[in-house]
């Protein structure tokens, strides 16, 4: 399966659209793309839109955490958009939601107040 990645900017956020399968074969592609976007545009605020993610495995989940690490612990912020469904259950059951804030919609992710860095509070606090 393929992974489709696209980026656009909205309200000071770099928005990465992720469509398709995020697994061992495609995880590096996401990390490289996110690194390129943040380096080229010096963005430290990313929204990963997982609305059209069809599948993710542990390598894919680790890629999400790697993207967070790219941003730096104090300056950067990563938010995930994941509506109710299979992908949301996977994020929740894996524990990713304890370290990365997940929002049910794109609008909710953009309008939420800044989160406290997860490494300071044992999880993202909104």
C-alpha atoms as a PDB file:
ATOM      1  CA  UNK A   1       0.000   0.000   0.000  1.00  0.00           C
ATOM      2  CA  UNK A   2       1.076   3.552  -0.630  1.00  0.00           C
ATOM      3  CA  UNK A   3       1.400   6.593   1.548  1.00  0.00           C
ATOM      4  CA  UNK A   4       0.353  10.004   0.280  1.00  0.00           C
ATOM      5  CA  UNK A   5       1.800  13.080   1.986  1.00  0.00           C
ATOM      6  CA  UNK A   6       0.998  16.731   1.369  1.00  0.00           C
ATOM      7  CA  UNK A   7       1.633  19.931   3.311  1.00  0.00           C
ATOM      8  CA  UNK A   8      -0.093  23.258   3.565  1.00  0.00           C
ATOM      9  CA  UNK A   9       0.003  26.089   6.084  1.00  0.00           C
ATOM     10  CA  UNK A  10      -2.875  27.472   8.079  1.00  0.00           C
ATOM     11  CA  UNK A  11      -3.002  29.920  11.010  1.00  0.00           C
ATOM     12  CA  UNK A  12       0.703  29.535  11.755  1.00  0.00           C
ATOM     13  CA  UNK A  13       0.635  25.744  11.622  1.00  0.00           C
ATOM     14  CA  UNK A  14       2.228  23.434   9.081  1.00  0.00           C
ATOM     15  CA  UNK A  15      -0.446  20.855   8.285  1.00  0.00           C
ATOM     16  CA  UNK A  16       0.705  17.486   7.000  1.00  0.00           C
ATOM     17  CA  UNK A  17      -1.986  15.380   5.392  1.00  0.00           C
ATOM     18  CA  UNK A  18      -1.312  11.664   5.732  1.00  0.00           C
ATOM     19  CA  UNK A  19      -3.340   9.280   3.588  1.00  0.00           C
ATOM     20  CA  UNK A  20      -3.004   5.544   3.183  1.00  0.00           C
ATOM     21  CA  UNK A  21      -0.842   3.120   5.148  1.00  0.00           C
ATOM     22  CA  UNK A  22       1.711   4.125   7.767  1.00  0.00           C
ATOM     23  CA  UNK A  23       3.802   1.051   8.467  1.00  0.00           C
ATOM     24  CA  UNK A  24       7.354  -0.260   8.391  1.00  0.00           C
ATOM     25  CA  UNK A  25       7.571   0.353   4.659  1.00  0.00           C
ATOM     26  CA  UNK A  26       6.379   3.977   4.811  1.00  0.00           C
ATOM     27  CA  UNK A  27       7.300   5.267   8.293  1.00  0.00           C
ATOM     28  CA  UNK A  28      10.668   6.648   7.159  1.00  0.00           C
ATOM     29  CA  UNK A  29       8.885   8.532   4.364  1.00  0.00           C
ATOM     30  CA  UNK A  30       6.753  10.396   6.922  1.00  0.00           C
ATOM     31  CA  UNK A  31       9.770  11.236   9.083  1.00  0.00           C
ATOM     32  CA  UNK A  32      11.754  12.512   6.104  1.00  0.00           C
ATOM     33  CA  UNK A  33       8.810  14.573   4.828  1.00  0.00           C
ATOM     34  CA  UNK A  34       8.192  16.145   8.245  1.00  0.00           C
ATOM     35  CA  UNK A  35      11.909  16.929   8.611  1.00  0.00           C
ATOM     36  CA  UNK A  36      11.910  18.565   5.186  1.00  0.00           C
ATOM     37  CA  UNK A  37       8.862  20.715   5.960  1.00  0.00           C
ATOM     38  CA  UNK A  38      10.155  21.839   9.346  1.00  0.00           C
ATOM     39  CA  UNK A  39      13.668  22.585   8.049  1.00  0.00           C
ATOM     40  CA  UNK A  40      12.614  24.353   4.881  1.00  0.00           C
ATOM     41  CA  UNK A  41       9.947  26.513   6.479  1.00  0.00           C
ATOM     42  CA  UNK A  42      11.301  26.628  10.029  1.00  0.00           C
ATOM     43  CA  UNK A  43       7.963  25.489  11.400  1.00  0.00           C
ATOM     44  CA  UNK A  44       7.864  24.171  14.921  1.00  0.00           C
ATOM     45  CA  UNK A  45       4.087  23.775  15.020  1.00  0.00           C
ATOM     46  CA  UNK A  46       2.738  20.769  13.137  1.00  0.00           C
ATOM     47  CA  UNK A  47      -0.688  19.258  12.736  1.00  0.00           C
ATOM     48  CA  UNK A  48      -0.705  15.728  11.357  1.00  0.00           C
ATOM     49  CA  UNK A  49      -4.068  15.106   9.736  1.00  0.00           C
ATOM     50  CA  UNK A  50      -4.733  11.365  10.069  1.00  0.00           C
ATOM     51  CA  UNK A  51      -8.331  11.597   8.841  1.00  0.00           C
ATOM     52  CA  UNK A  52      -7.594   9.437   5.799  1.00  0.00           C
ATOM     53  CA  UNK A  53      -5.086   7.095   7.396  1.00  0.00           C
ATOM     54  CA  UNK A  54      -6.280   3.589   6.544  1.00  0.00           C
ATOM     55  CA  UNK A  55      -3.799   1.544   8.585  1.00  0.00           C
ATOM     56  CA  UNK A  56      -0.895   2.002  10.997  1.00  0.00           C
ATOM     57  CA  UNK A  57       1.329  -0.512  12.736  1.00  0.00           C
ATOM     58  CA  UNK A  58       3.886  -0.099  15.516  1.00  0.00           C
ATOM     59  CA  UNK A  59       6.455   1.305  13.084  1.00  0.00           C
ATOM     60  CA  UNK A  60       3.899   3.891  11.991  1.00  0.00           C
ATOM     61  CA  UNK A  61       3.121   4.824  15.587  1.00  0.00           C
ATOM     62  CA  UNK A  62       6.830   5.150  16.305  1.00  0.00           C
ATOM     63  CA  UNK A  63       7.100   7.460  13.289  1.00  0.00           C
ATOM     64  CA  UNK A  64       4.534   9.792  14.904  1.00  0.00           C
ATOM     65  CA  UNK A  65       6.684   9.932  18.024  1.00  0.00           C
ATOM     66  CA  UNK A  66       9.782  10.546  15.900  1.00  0.00           C
ATOM     67  CA  UNK A  67       8.088  13.511  14.247  1.00  0.00           C
ATOM     68  CA  UNK A  68       7.450  14.936  17.716  1.00  0.00           C
ATOM     69  CA  UNK A  69      11.141  14.526  18.537  1.00  0.00           C
ATOM     70  CA  UNK A  70      12.049  16.530  15.410  1.00  0.00           C
ATOM     71  CA  UNK A  71      10.343  19.585  16.833  1.00  0.00           C
ATOM     72  CA  UNK A  72      12.408  19.897  19.978  1.00  0.00           C
ATOM     73  CA  UNK A  73      11.012  19.377  23.422  1.00  0.00           C
ATOM     74  CA  UNK A  74      10.409  22.978  24.442  1.00  0.00           C
ATOM     75  CA  UNK A  75       9.691  24.988  21.299  1.00  0.00           C
ATOM     76  CA  UNK A  76       7.746  22.613  19.108  1.00  0.00           C
ATOM     77  CA  UNK A  77       4.227  21.358  19.249  1.00  0.00           C
ATOM     78  CA  UNK A  78       2.594  18.466  17.444  1.00  0.00           C
ATOM     79  CA  UNK A  79      -1.131  17.833  17.240  1.00  0.00           C
ATOM     80  CA  UNK A  80      -2.866  14.888  15.643  1.00  0.00           C
ATOM     81  CA  UNK A  81      -6.251  15.055  13.948  1.00  0.00           C
ATOM     82  CA  UNK A  82      -7.988  11.714  14.117  1.00  0.00           C
ATOM     83  CA  UNK A  83     -11.782  11.405  14.006  1.00  0.00           C
ATOM     84  CA  UNK A  84     -13.506   8.550  15.818  1.00  0.00           C
ATOM     85  CA  UNK A  85     -12.798   5.235  14.224  1.00  0.00           C
ATOM     86  CA  UNK A  86     -10.247   2.505  13.831  1.00  0.00           C
ATOM     87  CA  UNK A  87      -7.184   4.763  13.721  1.00  0.00           C
ATOM     88  CA  UNK A  88      -8.331   6.595  16.851  1.00  0.00           C
ATOM     89  CA  UNK A  89      -8.756   3.307  18.718  1.00  0.00           C
ATOM     90  CA  UNK A  90      -5.264   2.247  17.641  1.00  0.00           C
ATOM     91  CA  UNK A  91      -3.739   5.508  18.895  1.00  0.00           C
ATOM     92  CA  UNK A  92      -5.586   5.209  22.188  1.00  0.00           C
ATOM     93  CA  UNK A  93      -4.820   1.527  22.799  1.00  0.00           C
ATOM     94  CA  UNK A  94      -1.133   2.012  21.959  1.00  0.00           C
ATOM     95  CA  UNK A  95      -0.704   4.793  24.503  1.00  0.00           C
ATOM     96  CA  UNK A  96       0.209   7.418  21.883  1.00  0.00           C
ATOM     97  CA  UNK A  97      -2.612   9.628  23.161  1.00  0.00           C
ATOM     98  CA  UNK A  98      -0.865   9.880  26.529  1.00  0.00           C
ATOM     99  CA  UNK A  99       2.057  11.757  24.935  1.00  0.00           C
ATOM    100  CA  UNK A 100       0.532  13.384  21.843  1.00  0.00           C
ATOM    101  CA  UNK A 101      -2.664  15.422  21.852  1.00  0.00           C
ATOM    102  CA  UNK A 102      -5.328  14.015  19.535  1.00  0.00           C
ATOM    103  CA  UNK A 103      -8.262  16.082  18.297  1.00  0.00           C
ATOM    104  CA  UNK A 104     -11.468  14.886  16.619  1.00  0.00           C
ATOM    105  CA  UNK A 105     -11.346  17.537  13.891  1.00  0.00           C
ATOM    106  CA  UNK A 106      -9.005  19.875  12.105  1.00  0.00           C
ATOM    107  CA  UNK A 107     -10.812  22.932  13.508  1.00  0.00           C
ATOM    108  CA  UNK A 108     -10.504  21.603  17.070  1.00  0.00           C
ATOM    109  CA  UNK A 109      -6.759  21.067  16.621  1.00  0.00           C
ATOM    110  CA  UNK A 110      -6.176  24.584  15.335  1.00  0.00           C
ATOM    111  CA  UNK A 111      -8.336  26.343  17.907  1.00  0.00           C
ATOM    112  CA  UNK A 112      -7.155  24.527  21.052  1.00  0.00           C
ATOM    113  CA  UNK A 113      -4.891  26.415  23.450  1.00  0.00           C
ATOM    114  CA  UNK A 114      -1.202  25.549  23.498  1.00  0.00           C
ATOM    115  CA  UNK A 115      -0.466  22.307  25.303  1.00  0.00           C
ATOM    116  CA  UNK A 116       2.030  21.785  28.080  1.00  0.00           C
ATOM    117  CA  UNK A 117       5.016  19.757  26.794  1.00  0.00           C
ATOM    118  CA  UNK A 118       4.396  16.059  27.469  1.00  0.00           C
ATOM    119  CA  UNK A 119       7.852  15.408  28.922  1.00  0.00           C
ATOM    120  CA  UNK A 120       7.172  17.799  31.779  1.00  0.00           C
ATOM    121  CA  UNK A 121       3.773  16.548  32.782  1.00  0.00           C
ATOM    122  CA  UNK A 122       3.870  12.830  31.999  1.00  0.00           C
ATOM    123  CA  UNK A 123       1.462  13.339  29.117  1.00  0.00           C
ATOM    124  CA  UNK A 124       0.008  16.127  27.057  1.00  0.00           C
ATOM    125  CA  UNK A 125      -2.246  18.426  29.027  1.00  0.00           C
ATOM    126  CA  UNK A 126      -4.793  20.518  27.250  1.00  0.00           C
END
